[in-house]
Amino acid sequence: MPEIRRLAEQGDVSAALAYGSSLFSGRAVEPDRAGGRQWLEQAAGSGSVPAQRWLGIANLKGTLGRRDLDAADRHLRAAARNDDGQALFYLGFMAEKGLRGKRDLYTAIDFYERAAVVGLPYAQMRLGQLYAAGQGVDKDVSRAVKLYKAAAEAGYGPAQTAYAHHLFQGVGVLQDYGRAWKWYQRGAGAGDAAAHNMIGYMLAQGVAVKQDA
Protein backbone atom coordinates (compact mmCIF):
# COMPACT_ATOMS: atom_id res chain seq x y z
CA MET A 1 0.00 0.00 0.00
CA PRO A 2 2.87 2.51 0.58
CA GLU A 3 3.80 2.12 -3.07
CA ILE A 4 0.21 2.77 -4.16
CA ARG A 5 0.13 5.88 -1.98
CA ARG A 6 3.44 7.07 -3.44
CA LEU A 7 2.07 6.70 -6.97
CA ALA A 8 -1.15 8.45 -5.99
CA GLU A 9 0.82 11.36 -4.55
CA GLN A 10 2.71 11.55 -7.84
CA GLY A 11 -0.56 12.02 -9.71
CA ASP A 12 -1.28 8.48 -10.87
CA VAL A 13 -5.07 8.43 -11.31
CA SER A 14 -5.44 4.66 -11.03
CA ALA A 15 -3.39 4.67 -7.85
CA ALA A 16 -5.49 7.49 -6.40
CA LEU A 17 -8.61 5.43 -7.09
CA ALA A 18 -7.11 2.31 -5.52
CA TYR A 19 -5.75 4.13 -2.49
CA GLY A 20 -8.95 6.08 -1.93
CA SER A 21 -11.06 2.94 -2.17
CA SER A 22 -8.80 1.13 0.29
CA LEU A 23 -8.87 4.00 2.78
CA PHE A 24 -12.63 4.30 2.59
CA SER A 25 -13.27 0.60 3.05
CA GLY A 26 -10.37 -0.09 5.40
CA ARG A 27 -9.05 -2.75 3.07
CA ALA A 28 -5.36 -3.43 3.87
CA VAL A 29 -5.06 -0.07 5.67
CA GLU A 30 -6.46 1.71 8.71
CA PRO A 31 -9.93 3.00 7.74
CA ASP A 32 -10.08 6.70 6.91
CA ARG A 33 -13.37 7.52 5.19
CA ALA A 34 -12.67 11.25 4.93
CA GLY A 35 -9.23 10.66 3.48
CA GLY A 36 -10.56 7.99 1.15
CA ARG A 37 -13.19 10.35 -0.13
CA GLN A 38 -10.59 13.03 -0.84
CA TRP A 39 -8.53 10.64 -2.95
CA LEU A 40 -11.63 9.43 -4.78
CA GLU A 41 -12.65 13.03 -5.47
CA GLN A 42 -9.16 13.67 -6.82
CA ALA A 43 -9.35 10.61 -9.07
CA ALA A 44 -12.81 11.61 -10.29
CA GLY A 45 -11.61 15.14 -11.03
CA SER A 46 -8.77 13.67 -13.06
CA GLY A 47 -11.21 11.73 -15.23
CA SER A 48 -11.42 8.34 -13.53
CA VAL A 49 -14.76 6.90 -14.63
CA PRO A 50 -14.83 4.26 -11.84
CA ALA A 51 -14.27 7.03 -9.26
CA GLN A 52 -16.96 9.20 -10.83
CA ARG A 53 -19.36 6.26 -10.81
CA TRP A 54 -18.51 5.32 -7.23
CA LEU A 55 -18.99 8.86 -5.95
CA GLY A 56 -22.22 9.23 -7.91
CA ILE A 57 -23.75 6.07 -6.48
CA ALA A 58 -22.39 6.80 -2.99
CA ASN A 59 -23.94 10.26 -2.98
CA LEU A 60 -27.21 8.83 -4.28
CA LYS A 61 -27.37 6.14 -1.61
CA GLY A 62 -25.99 8.23 1.24
CA THR A 63 -22.92 6.06 1.71
CA LEU A 64 -20.83 9.12 2.49
CA GLY A 65 -22.97 10.04 5.46
CA ARG A 66 -25.78 11.94 3.83
CA ARG A 67 -27.59 11.82 0.53
CA ASP A 68 -26.46 14.52 -1.89
CA LEU A 69 -28.49 14.26 -5.09
CA ASP A 70 -26.80 17.21 -6.77
CA ALA A 71 -23.38 15.65 -6.26
CA ALA A 72 -24.77 12.28 -7.36
CA ASP A 73 -26.10 13.79 -10.57
CA ARG A 74 -22.82 15.63 -11.27
CA HIS A 75 -20.60 12.59 -10.81
CA LEU A 76 -22.93 10.20 -12.63
CA ARG A 77 -23.19 12.54 -15.61
CA ALA A 78 -19.40 12.75 -15.76
CA ALA A 79 -19.18 8.95 -15.92
CA ALA A 80 -22.10 8.73 -18.34
CA ARG A 81 -20.24 10.92 -20.82
CA ASN A 82 -17.99 7.89 -21.24
CA ASP A 83 -21.00 5.58 -21.69
CA ASP A 84 -20.60 3.96 -18.29
CA GLY A 85 -23.54 1.58 -18.00
CA GLN A 86 -24.11 1.86 -14.26
CA ALA A 87 -23.95 5.66 -14.35
CA LEU A 88 -26.48 5.73 -17.16
CA PHE A 89 -28.76 3.36 -15.28
CA TYR A 90 -28.71 5.38 -12.07
CA LEU A 91 -29.35 8.60 -13.96
CA GLY A 92 -32.37 6.85 -15.44
CA PHE A 93 -33.44 5.70 -11.99
CA MET A 94 -33.18 9.25 -10.63
CA ALA A 95 -35.25 10.61 -13.51
CA GLU A 96 -37.87 7.86 -13.22
CA LYS A 97 -38.30 8.42 -9.50
CA GLY A 98 -38.21 12.22 -9.78
CA LEU A 99 -35.46 12.50 -7.19
CA ARG A 100 -34.34 15.95 -8.35
CA GLY A 101 -37.69 17.37 -9.36
CA LYS A 102 -40.59 16.21 -11.45
CA ARG A 103 -40.66 12.58 -12.53
CA ASP A 104 -39.39 12.36 -16.11
CA LEU A 105 -40.05 8.95 -17.60
CA TYR A 106 -38.93 9.94 -21.10
CA THR A 107 -35.50 11.02 -19.87
CA ALA A 108 -35.32 7.87 -17.76
CA ILE A 109 -36.01 5.70 -20.80
CA ASP A 110 -33.33 7.50 -22.79
CA PHE A 111 -30.76 6.70 -20.08
CA TYR A 112 -32.00 3.11 -19.77
CA GLU A 113 -31.76 2.67 -23.54
CA ARG A 114 -28.15 3.86 -23.51
CA ALA A 115 -27.31 1.60 -20.58
CA ALA A 116 -29.00 -1.34 -22.32
CA VAL A 117 -26.97 -0.73 -25.48
CA VAL A 118 -23.70 -1.08 -23.56
CA GLY A 119 -25.01 -4.36 -22.12
CA LEU A 120 -26.06 -3.58 -18.55
CA PRO A 121 -28.46 -6.43 -17.64
CA TYR A 122 -30.58 -4.63 -15.07
CA ALA A 123 -31.03 -1.69 -17.45
CA GLN A 124 -32.22 -4.16 -20.09
CA MET A 125 -34.56 -5.66 -17.51
CA ARG A 126 -36.05 -2.34 -16.41
CA LEU A 127 -36.42 -1.17 -19.99
CA GLY A 128 -38.15 -4.43 -20.84
CA GLN A 129 -40.60 -3.90 -17.99
CA LEU A 130 -41.45 -0.43 -19.31
CA TYR A 131 -42.01 -1.75 -22.84
CA ALA A 132 -44.13 -4.60 -21.50
CA ALA A 133 -46.31 -2.16 -19.56
CA GLY A 134 -46.32 0.60 -22.17
CA GLN A 135 -45.02 3.13 -19.67
CA GLY A 136 -43.39 6.11 -21.37
CA VAL A 137 -43.20 4.14 -24.63
CA ASP A 138 -45.65 2.41 -26.95
CA LYS A 139 -46.38 -1.03 -25.56
CA ASP A 140 -44.17 -3.57 -27.30
CA VAL A 141 -44.11 -6.98 -25.67
CA SER A 142 -41.87 -8.47 -28.35
CA ARG A 143 -39.27 -5.80 -27.66
CA ALA A 144 -39.63 -6.46 -23.95
CA VAL A 145 -38.99 -10.16 -24.47
CA LYS A 146 -35.84 -9.43 -26.49
CA LEU A 147 -34.55 -7.22 -23.71
CA TYR A 148 -35.33 -9.85 -21.08
CA LYS A 149 -33.52 -12.44 -23.19
CA ALA A 150 -30.43 -10.25 -23.52
CA ALA A 151 -30.30 -9.72 -19.76
CA ALA A 152 -31.02 -13.40 -19.15
CA GLU A 153 -28.16 -14.48 -21.37
CA ALA A 154 -25.89 -12.18 -19.35
CA GLY A 155 -26.81 -14.18 -16.24
CA TYR A 156 -29.25 -11.81 -14.55
CA GLY A 157 -31.58 -14.00 -12.49
CA PRO A 158 -34.77 -11.88 -12.50
CA ALA A 159 -34.49 -11.51 -16.28
CA GLN A 160 -34.03 -15.25 -16.69
CA THR A 161 -37.28 -15.76 -14.82
CA ALA A 162 -39.08 -13.00 -16.75
CA TYR A 163 -37.95 -14.50 -20.05
CA ALA A 164 -39.09 -17.95 -18.87
CA HIS A 165 -42.51 -16.54 -17.97
CA HIS A 166 -43.00 -15.33 -21.54
CA LEU A 167 -41.86 -18.64 -22.98
CA PHE A 168 -44.21 -20.49 -20.64
CA GLN A 169 -47.19 -18.29 -21.47
CA GLY A 170 -46.39 -17.75 -25.15
CA VAL A 171 -46.65 -13.96 -24.81
CA GLY A 172 -44.43 -11.99 -27.17
CA VAL A 173 -42.68 -15.20 -28.18
CA LEU A 174 -43.70 -18.68 -29.28
CA GLN A 175 -44.76 -20.85 -26.36
CA ASP A 176 -42.06 -23.35 -25.50
CA TYR A 177 -42.29 -25.27 -22.23
CA GLY A 178 -38.89 -26.87 -22.75
CA ARG A 179 -37.07 -23.57 -23.06
CA ALA A 180 -39.17 -22.10 -20.26
CA TRP A 181 -38.06 -24.97 -18.02
CA LYS A 182 -34.42 -24.34 -18.90
CA TRP A 183 -34.62 -20.64 -18.09
CA TYR A 184 -36.57 -21.24 -14.89
CA GLN A 185 -33.76 -23.56 -13.82
CA ARG A 186 -31.21 -20.86 -14.56
CA GLY A 187 -33.24 -18.28 -12.69
CA ALA A 188 -33.55 -20.62 -9.73
CA GLY A 189 -29.81 -21.23 -9.85
CA ALA A 190 -29.33 -17.46 -9.60
CA GLY A 191 -31.47 -17.45 -6.47
CA ASP A 192 -34.74 -16.10 -7.90
CA ALA A 193 -37.64 -17.30 -5.74
CA ALA A 194 -40.24 -16.93 -8.51
CA ALA A 195 -38.26 -19.33 -10.67
CA HIS A 196 -38.21 -21.91 -7.86
CA ASN A 197 -41.96 -21.56 -7.53
CA MET A 198 -42.55 -22.07 -11.26
CA ILE A 199 -40.36 -25.16 -11.35
CA GLY A 200 -42.49 -26.60 -8.56
CA TYR A 201 -45.67 -25.63 -10.41
CA MET A 202 -44.53 -27.23 -13.66
CA LEU A 203 -43.61 -30.44 -11.88
CA ALA A 204 -46.88 -30.51 -9.93
CA GLN A 205 -48.94 -29.88 -13.08
CA GLY A 206 -47.04 -32.50 -15.03
CA VAL A 207 -46.07 -30.04 -17.75
CA ALA A 208 -43.93 -31.89 -20.27
CA VAL A 209 -40.38 -30.56 -20.30
CA LYS A 210 -37.30 -31.48 -22.24
CA GLN A 211 -34.38 -31.81 -19.90
CA ASP A 212 -31.93 -31.19 -22.75
CA ALA A 213 -33.76 -28.11 -24.09
C-alpha atoms as a PDB file:
ATOM      1  CA  MET A   1       0.000   0.000   0.000  1.00  0.00           C
ATOM      2  CA  PRO A   2       2.867   2.507   0.583  1.00  0.00           C
ATOM      3  CA  GLU A   3       3.796   2.121  -3.073  1.00  0.00           C
ATOM      4  CA  ILE A   4       0.206   2.774  -4.155  1.00  0.00           C
ATOM      5  CA  ARG A   5       0.133   5.883  -1.982  1.00  0.00           C
ATOM      6  CA  ARG A   6       3.440   7.074  -3.439  1.00  0.00           C
ATOM      7  CA  LEU A   7       2.070   6.700  -6.965  1.00  0.00           C
ATOM      8  CA  ALA A   8      -1.152   8.452  -5.987  1.00  0.00           C
ATOM      9  CA  GLU A   9       0.824  11.363  -4.552  1.00  0.00           C
ATOM     10  CA  GLN A  10       2.712  11.553  -7.844  1.00  0.00           C
ATOM     11  CA  GLY A  11      -0.555  12.015  -9.705  1.00  0.00           C
ATOM     12  CA  ASP A  12      -1.278   8.479 -10.875  1.00  0.00           C
ATOM     13  CA  VAL A  13      -5.069   8.430 -11.307  1.00  0.00           C
ATOM     14  CA  SER A  14      -5.443   4.658 -11.026  1.00  0.00           C
ATOM     15  CA  ALA A  15      -3.386   4.674  -7.852  1.00  0.00           C
ATOM     16  CA  ALA A  16      -5.492   7.492  -6.404  1.00  0.00           C
ATOM     17  CA  LEU A  17      -8.607   5.434  -7.092  1.00  0.00           C
ATOM     18  CA  ALA A  18      -7.114   2.307  -5.522  1.00  0.00           C
ATOM     19  CA  TYR A  19      -5.748   4.134  -2.492  1.00  0.00           C
ATOM     20  CA  GLY A  20      -8.951   6.084  -1.930  1.00  0.00           C
ATOM     21  CA  SER A  21     -11.060   2.941  -2.168  1.00  0.00           C
ATOM     22  CA  SER A  22      -8.805   1.135   0.294  1.00  0.00           C
ATOM     23  CA  LEU A  23      -8.868   3.997   2.785  1.00  0.00           C
ATOM     24  CA  PHE A  24     -12.631   4.304   2.588  1.00  0.00           C
ATOM     25  CA  SER A  25     -13.272   0.599   3.046  1.00  0.00           C
ATOM     26  CA  GLY A  26     -10.374  -0.089   5.395  1.00  0.00           C
ATOM     27  CA  ARG A  27      -9.051  -2.746   3.067  1.00  0.00           C
ATOM     28  CA  ALA A  28      -5.360  -3.434   3.867  1.00  0.00           C
ATOM     29  CA  VAL A  29      -5.061  -0.071   5.667  1.00  0.00           C
ATOM     30  CA  GLU A  30      -6.462   1.711   8.705  1.00  0.00           C
ATOM     31  CA  PRO A  31      -9.929   2.999   7.735  1.00  0.00           C
ATOM     32  CA  ASP A  32     -10.078   6.696   6.914  1.00  0.00           C
ATOM     33  CA  ARG A  33     -13.366   7.519   5.193  1.00  0.00           C
ATOM     34  CA  ALA A  34     -12.667  11.247   4.933  1.00  0.00           C
ATOM     35  CA  GLY A  35      -9.228  10.657   3.477  1.00  0.00           C
ATOM     36  CA  GLY A  36     -10.557   7.995   1.149  1.00  0.00           C
ATOM     37  CA  ARG A  37     -13.195  10.354  -0.134  1.00  0.00           C
ATOM     38  CA  GLN A  38     -10.587  13.029  -0.844  1.00  0.00           C
ATOM     39  CA  TRP A  39      -8.531  10.642  -2.948  1.00  0.00           C
ATOM     40  CA  LEU A  40     -11.626   9.431  -4.777  1.00  0.00           C
ATOM     41  CA  GLU A  41     -12.647  13.026  -5.469  1.00  0.00           C
ATOM     42  CA  GLN A  42      -9.165  13.670  -6.818  1.00  0.00           C
ATOM     43  CA  ALA A  43      -9.351  10.610  -9.073  1.00  0.00           C
ATOM     44  CA  ALA A  44     -12.810  11.612 -10.292  1.00  0.00           C
ATOM     45  CA  GLY A  45     -11.612  15.142 -11.030  1.00  0.00           C
ATOM     46  CA  SER A  46      -8.771  13.671 -13.064  1.00  0.00           C
ATOM     47  CA  GLY A  47     -11.209  11.732 -15.230  1.00  0.00           C
ATOM     48  CA  SER A  48     -11.419   8.342 -13.533  1.00  0.00           C
ATOM     49  CA  VAL A  49     -14.762   6.903 -14.630  1.00  0.00           C
ATOM     50  CA  PRO A  50     -14.832   4.263 -11.843  1.00  0.00           C
ATOM     51  CA  ALA A  51     -14.272   7.026  -9.264  1.00  0.00           C
ATOM     52  CA  GLN A  52     -16.959   9.197 -10.828  1.00  0.00           C
ATOM     53  CA  ARG A  53     -19.363   6.263 -10.813  1.00  0.00           C
ATOM     54  CA  TRP A  54     -18.510   5.316  -7.234  1.00  0.00           C
ATOM     55  CA  LEU A  55     -18.993   8.861  -5.950  1.00  0.00           C
ATOM     56  CA  GLY A  56     -22.221   9.230  -7.908  1.00  0.00           C
ATOM     57  CA  ILE A  57     -23.747   6.070  -6.481  1.00  0.00           C
ATOM     58  CA  ALA A  58     -22.389   6.798  -2.990  1.00  0.00           C
ATOM     59  CA  ASN A  59     -23.944  10.258  -2.979  1.00  0.00           C
ATOM     60  CA  LEU A  60     -27.209   8.830  -4.279  1.00  0.00           C
ATOM     61  CA  LYS A  61     -27.373   6.138  -1.607  1.00  0.00           C
ATOM     62  CA  GLY A  62     -25.989   8.233   1.237  1.00  0.00           C
ATOM     63  CA  THR A  63     -22.920   6.058   1.709  1.00  0.00           C
ATOM     64  CA  LEU A  64     -20.827   9.123   2.491  1.00  0.00           C
ATOM     65  CA  GLY A  65     -22.967  10.043   5.463  1.00  0.00           C
ATOM     66  CA  ARG A  66     -25.784  11.936   3.826  1.00  0.00           C
ATOM     67  CA  ARG A  67     -27.591  11.821   0.529  1.00  0.00           C
ATOM     68  CA  ASP A  68     -26.464  14.525  -1.893  1.00  0.00           C
ATOM     69  CA  LEU A  69     -28.492  14.258  -5.088  1.00  0.00           C
ATOM     70  CA  ASP A  70     -26.804  17.215  -6.770  1.00  0.00           C
ATOM     71  CA  ALA A  71     -23.384  15.646  -6.261  1.00  0.00           C
ATOM     72  CA  ALA A  72     -24.767  12.283  -7.355  1.00  0.00           C
ATOM     73  CA  ASP A  73     -26.096  13.794 -10.568  1.00  0.00           C
ATOM     74  CA  ARG A  74     -22.823  15.632 -11.267  1.00  0.00           C
ATOM     75  CA  HIS A  75     -20.596  12.586 -10.811  1.00  0.00           C
ATOM     76  CA  LEU A  76     -22.932  10.202 -12.629  1.00  0.00           C
ATOM     77  CA  ARG A  77     -23.185  12.540 -15.606  1.00  0.00           C
ATOM     78  CA  ALA A  78     -19.404  12.753 -15.760  1.00  0.00           C
ATOM     79  CA  ALA A  79     -19.177   8.950 -15.919  1.00  0.00           C
ATOM     80  CA  ALA A  80     -22.100   8.734 -18.337  1.00  0.00           C
ATOM     81  CA  ARG A  81     -20.241  10.924 -20.823  1.00  0.00           C
ATOM     82  CA  ASN A  82     -17.993   7.890 -21.244  1.00  0.00           C
ATOM     83  CA  ASP A  83     -20.998   5.579 -21.690  1.00  0.00           C
ATOM     84  CA  ASP A  84     -20.598   3.960 -18.292  1.00  0.00           C
ATOM     85  CA  GLY A  85     -23.544   1.582 -17.999  1.00  0.00           C
ATOM     86  CA  GLN A  86     -24.106   1.861 -14.261  1.00  0.00           C
ATOM     87  CA  ALA A  87     -23.946   5.655 -14.346  1.00  0.00           C
ATOM     88  CA  LEU A  88     -26.483   5.726 -17.163  1.00  0.00           C
ATOM     89  CA  PHE A  89     -28.757   3.362 -15.277  1.00  0.00           C
ATOM     90  CA  TYR A  90     -28.713   5.383 -12.070  1.00  0.00           C
ATOM     91  CA  LEU A  91     -29.352   8.603 -13.964  1.00  0.00           C
ATOM     92  CA  GLY A  92     -32.374   6.845 -15.442  1.00  0.00           C
ATOM     93  CA  PHE A  93     -33.437   5.704 -11.988  1.00  0.00           C
ATOM     94  CA  MET A  94     -33.184   9.248 -10.629  1.00  0.00           C
ATOM     95  CA  ALA A  95     -35.249  10.612 -13.513  1.00  0.00           C
ATOM     96  CA  GLU A  96     -37.865   7.863 -13.221  1.00  0.00           C
ATOM     97  CA  LYS A  97     -38.297   8.424  -9.495  1.00  0.00           C
ATOM     98  CA  GLY A  98     -38.212  12.222  -9.779  1.00  0.00           C
ATOM     99  CA  LEU A  99     -35.461  12.499  -7.194  1.00  0.00           C
ATOM    100  CA  ARG A 100     -34.341  15.947  -8.348  1.00  0.00           C
ATOM    101  CA  GLY A 101     -37.686  17.374  -9.356  1.00  0.00           C
ATOM    102  CA  LYS A 102     -40.592  16.207 -11.453  1.00  0.00           C
ATOM    103  CA  ARG A 103     -40.664  12.575 -12.529  1.00  0.00           C
ATOM    104  CA  ASP A 104     -39.393  12.364 -16.110  1.00  0.00           C
ATOM    105  CA  LEU A 105     -40.046   8.950 -17.595  1.00  0.00           C
ATOM    106  CA  TYR A 106     -38.932   9.940 -21.099  1.00  0.00           C
ATOM    107  CA  THR A 107     -35.501  11.015 -19.875  1.00  0.00           C
ATOM    108  CA  ALA A 108     -35.323   7.874 -17.761  1.00  0.00           C
ATOM    109  CA  ILE A 109     -36.009   5.701 -20.797  1.00  0.00           C
ATOM    110  CA  ASP A 110     -33.326   7.498 -22.785  1.00  0.00           C
ATOM    111  CA  PHE A 111     -30.760   6.698 -20.082  1.00  0.00           C
ATOM    112  CA  TYR A 112     -32.002   3.110 -19.765  1.00  0.00           C
ATOM    113  CA  GLU A 113     -31.760   2.670 -23.537  1.00  0.00           C
ATOM    114  CA  ARG A 114     -28.154   3.855 -23.507  1.00  0.00           C
ATOM    115  CA  ALA A 115     -27.309   1.599 -20.577  1.00  0.00           C
ATOM    116  CA  ALA A 116     -28.996  -1.340 -22.321  1.00  0.00           C
ATOM    117  CA  VAL A 117     -26.973  -0.728 -25.480  1.00  0.00           C
ATOM    118  CA  VAL A 118     -23.705  -1.082 -23.560  1.00  0.00           C
ATOM    119  CA  GLY A 119     -25.010  -4.363 -22.125  1.00  0.00           C
ATOM    120  CA  LEU A 120     -26.059  -3.580 -18.546  1.00  0.00           C
ATOM    121  CA  PRO A 121     -28.456  -6.427 -17.644  1.00  0.00           C
ATOM    122  CA  TYR A 122     -30.580  -4.634 -15.075  1.00  0.00           C
ATOM    123  CA  ALA A 123     -31.028  -1.690 -17.448  1.00  0.00           C
ATOM    124  CA  GLN A 124     -32.222  -4.156 -20.090  1.00  0.00           C
ATOM    125  CA  MET A 125     -34.564  -5.659 -17.509  1.00  0.00           C
ATOM    126  CA  ARG A 126     -36.045  -2.335 -16.412  1.00  0.00           C
ATOM    127  CA  LEU A 127     -36.422  -1.166 -19.991  1.00  0.00           C
ATOM    128  CA  GLY A 128     -38.147  -4.430 -20.836  1.00  0.00           C
ATOM    129  CA  GLN A 129     -40.603  -3.899 -17.992  1.00  0.00           C
ATOM    130  CA  LEU A 130     -41.455  -0.430 -19.309  1.00  0.00           C
ATOM    131  CA  TYR A 131     -42.009  -1.747 -22.844  1.00  0.00           C
ATOM    132  CA  ALA A 132     -44.130  -4.597 -21.499  1.00  0.00           C
ATOM    133  CA  ALA A 133     -46.311  -2.162 -19.564  1.00  0.00           C
ATOM    134  CA  GLY A 134     -46.319   0.601 -22.170  1.00  0.00           C
ATOM    135  CA  GLN A 135     -45.023   3.129 -19.674  1.00  0.00           C
ATOM    136  CA  GLY A 136     -43.386   6.109 -21.371  1.00  0.00           C
ATOM    137  CA  VAL A 137     -43.204   4.143 -24.625  1.00  0.00           C
ATOM    138  CA  ASP A 138     -45.650   2.412 -26.951  1.00  0.00           C
ATOM    139  CA  LYS A 139     -46.375  -1.028 -25.557  1.00  0.00           C
ATOM    140  CA  ASP A 140     -44.170  -3.568 -27.303  1.00  0.00           C
ATOM    141  CA  VAL A 141     -44.112  -6.985 -25.671  1.00  0.00           C
ATOM    142  CA  SER A 142     -41.870  -8.469 -28.347  1.00  0.00           C
ATOM    143  CA  ARG A 143     -39.268  -5.798 -27.661  1.00  0.00           C
ATOM    144  CA  ALA A 144     -39.626  -6.459 -23.947  1.00  0.00           C
ATOM    145  CA  VAL A 145     -38.986 -10.160 -24.468  1.00  0.00           C
ATOM    146  CA  LYS A 146     -35.843  -9.427 -26.495  1.00  0.00           C
ATOM    147  CA  LEU A 147     -34.553  -7.217 -23.706  1.00  0.00           C
ATOM    148  CA  TYR A 148     -35.329  -9.846 -21.082  1.00  0.00           C
ATOM    149  CA  LYS A 149     -33.525 -12.440 -23.188  1.00  0.00           C
ATOM    150  CA  ALA A 150     -30.429 -10.246 -23.522  1.00  0.00           C
ATOM    151  CA  ALA A 151     -30.304  -9.718 -19.760  1.00  0.00           C
ATOM    152  CA  ALA A 152     -31.024 -13.404 -19.150  1.00  0.00           C
ATOM    153  CA  GLU A 153     -28.158 -14.477 -21.374  1.00  0.00           C
ATOM    154  CA  ALA A 154     -25.894 -12.177 -19.352  1.00  0.00           C
ATOM    155  CA  GLY A 155     -26.808 -14.181 -16.244  1.00  0.00           C
ATOM    156  CA  TYR A 156     -29.249 -11.807 -14.545  1.00  0.00           C
ATOM    157  CA  GLY A 157     -31.582 -14.001 -12.492  1.00  0.00           C
ATOM    158  CA  PRO A 158     -34.769 -11.880 -12.502  1.00  0.00           C
ATOM    159  CA  ALA A 159     -34.494 -11.505 -16.280  1.00  0.00           C
ATOM    160  CA  GLN A 160     -34.028 -15.251 -16.691  1.00  0.00           C
ATOM    161  CA  THR A 161     -37.283 -15.757 -14.821  1.00  0.00           C
ATOM    162  CA  ALA A 162     -39.083 -12.998 -16.750  1.00  0.00           C
ATOM    163  CA  TYR A 163     -37.950 -14.504 -20.050  1.00  0.00           C
ATOM    164  CA  ALA A 164     -39.087 -17.949 -18.868  1.00  0.00           C
ATOM    165  CA  HIS A 165     -42.513 -16.538 -17.969  1.00  0.00           C
ATOM    166  CA  HIS A 166     -43.002 -15.325 -21.536  1.00  0.00           C
ATOM    167  CA  LEU A 167     -41.859 -18.637 -22.976  1.00  0.00           C
ATOM    168  CA  PHE A 168     -44.207 -20.493 -20.641  1.00  0.00           C
ATOM    169  CA  GLN A 169     -47.191 -18.285 -21.472  1.00  0.00           C
ATOM    170  CA  GLY A 170     -46.390 -17.746 -25.149  1.00  0.00           C
ATOM    171  CA  VAL A 171     -46.653 -13.957 -24.812  1.00  0.00           C
ATOM    172  CA  GLY A 172     -44.425 -11.985 -27.166  1.00  0.00           C
ATOM    173  CA  VAL A 173     -42.681 -15.195 -28.177  1.00  0.00           C
ATOM    174  CA  LEU A 174     -43.698 -18.676 -29.277  1.00  0.00           C
ATOM    175  CA  GLN A 175     -44.764 -20.848 -26.355  1.00  0.00           C
ATOM    176  CA  ASP A 176     -42.065 -23.351 -25.502  1.00  0.00           C
ATOM    177  CA  TYR A 177     -42.287 -25.270 -22.230  1.00  0.00           C
ATOM    178  CA  GLY A 178     -38.888 -26.870 -22.747  1.00  0.00           C
ATOM    179  CA  ARG A 179     -37.073 -23.567 -23.064  1.00  0.00           C
ATOM    180  CA  ALA A 180     -39.166 -22.103 -20.258  1.00  0.00           C
ATOM    181  CA  TRP A 181     -38.059 -24.967 -18.019  1.00  0.00           C
ATOM    182  CA  LYS A 182     -34.418 -24.335 -18.899  1.00  0.00           C
ATOM    183  CA  TRP A 183     -34.620 -20.640 -18.094  1.00  0.00           C
ATOM    184  CA  TYR A 184     -36.566 -21.238 -14.887  1.00  0.00           C
ATOM    185  CA  GLN A 185     -33.763 -23.560 -13.817  1.00  0.00           C
ATOM    186  CA  ARG A 186     -31.211 -20.859 -14.560  1.00  0.00           C
ATOM    187  CA  GLY A 187     -33.241 -18.284 -12.687  1.00  0.00           C
ATOM    188  CA  ALA A 188     -33.548 -20.619  -9.727  1.00  0.00           C
ATOM    189  CA  GLY A 189     -29.806 -21.227  -9.849  1.00  0.00           C
ATOM    190  CA  ALA A 190     -29.329 -17.459  -9.601  1.00  0.00           C
ATOM    191  CA  GLY A 191     -31.474 -17.446  -6.474  1.00  0.00           C
ATOM    192  CA  ASP A 192     -34.740 -16.100  -7.900  1.00  0.00           C
ATOM    193  CA  ALA A 193     -37.644 -17.299  -5.741  1.00  0.00           C
ATOM    194  CA  ALA A 194     -40.244 -16.930  -8.505  1.00  0.00           C
ATOM    195  CA  ALA A 195     -38.260 -19.329 -10.675  1.00  0.00           C
ATOM    196  CA  HIS A 196     -38.210 -21.913  -7.858  1.00  0.00           C
ATOM    197  CA  ASN A 197     -41.964 -21.564  -7.533  1.00  0.00           C
ATOM    198  CA  MET A 198     -42.554 -22.068 -11.257  1.00  0.00           C
ATOM    199  CA  ILE A 199     -40.358 -25.159 -11.346  1.00  0.00           C
ATOM    200  CA  GLY A 200     -42.491 -26.598  -8.556  1.00  0.00           C
ATOM    201  CA  TYR A 201     -45.666 -25.625 -10.406  1.00  0.00           C
ATOM    202  CA  MET A 202     -44.532 -27.228 -13.660  1.00  0.00           C
ATOM    203  CA  LEU A 203     -43.613 -30.437 -11.878  1.00  0.00           C
ATOM    204  CA  ALA A 204     -46.876 -30.510  -9.931  1.00  0.00           C
ATOM    205  CA  GLN A 205     -48.939 -29.882 -13.076  1.00  0.00           C
ATOM    206  CA  GLY A 206     -47.043 -32.497 -15.026  1.00  0.00           C
ATOM    207  CA  VAL A 207     -46.069 -30.040 -17.753  1.00  0.00           C
ATOM    208  CA  ALA A 208     -43.927 -31.886 -20.270  1.00  0.00           C
ATOM    209  CA  VAL A 209     -40.376 -30.558 -20.296  1.00  0.00           C
ATOM    210  CA  LYS A 210     -37.304 -31.481 -22.239  1.00  0.00           C
ATOM    211  CA  GLN A 211     -34.375 -31.810 -19.899  1.00  0.00           C
ATOM    212  CA  ASP A 212     -31.930 -31.189 -22.746  1.00  0.00           C
ATOM    213  CA  ALA A 213     -33.763 -28.115 -24.085  1.00  0.00           C
END
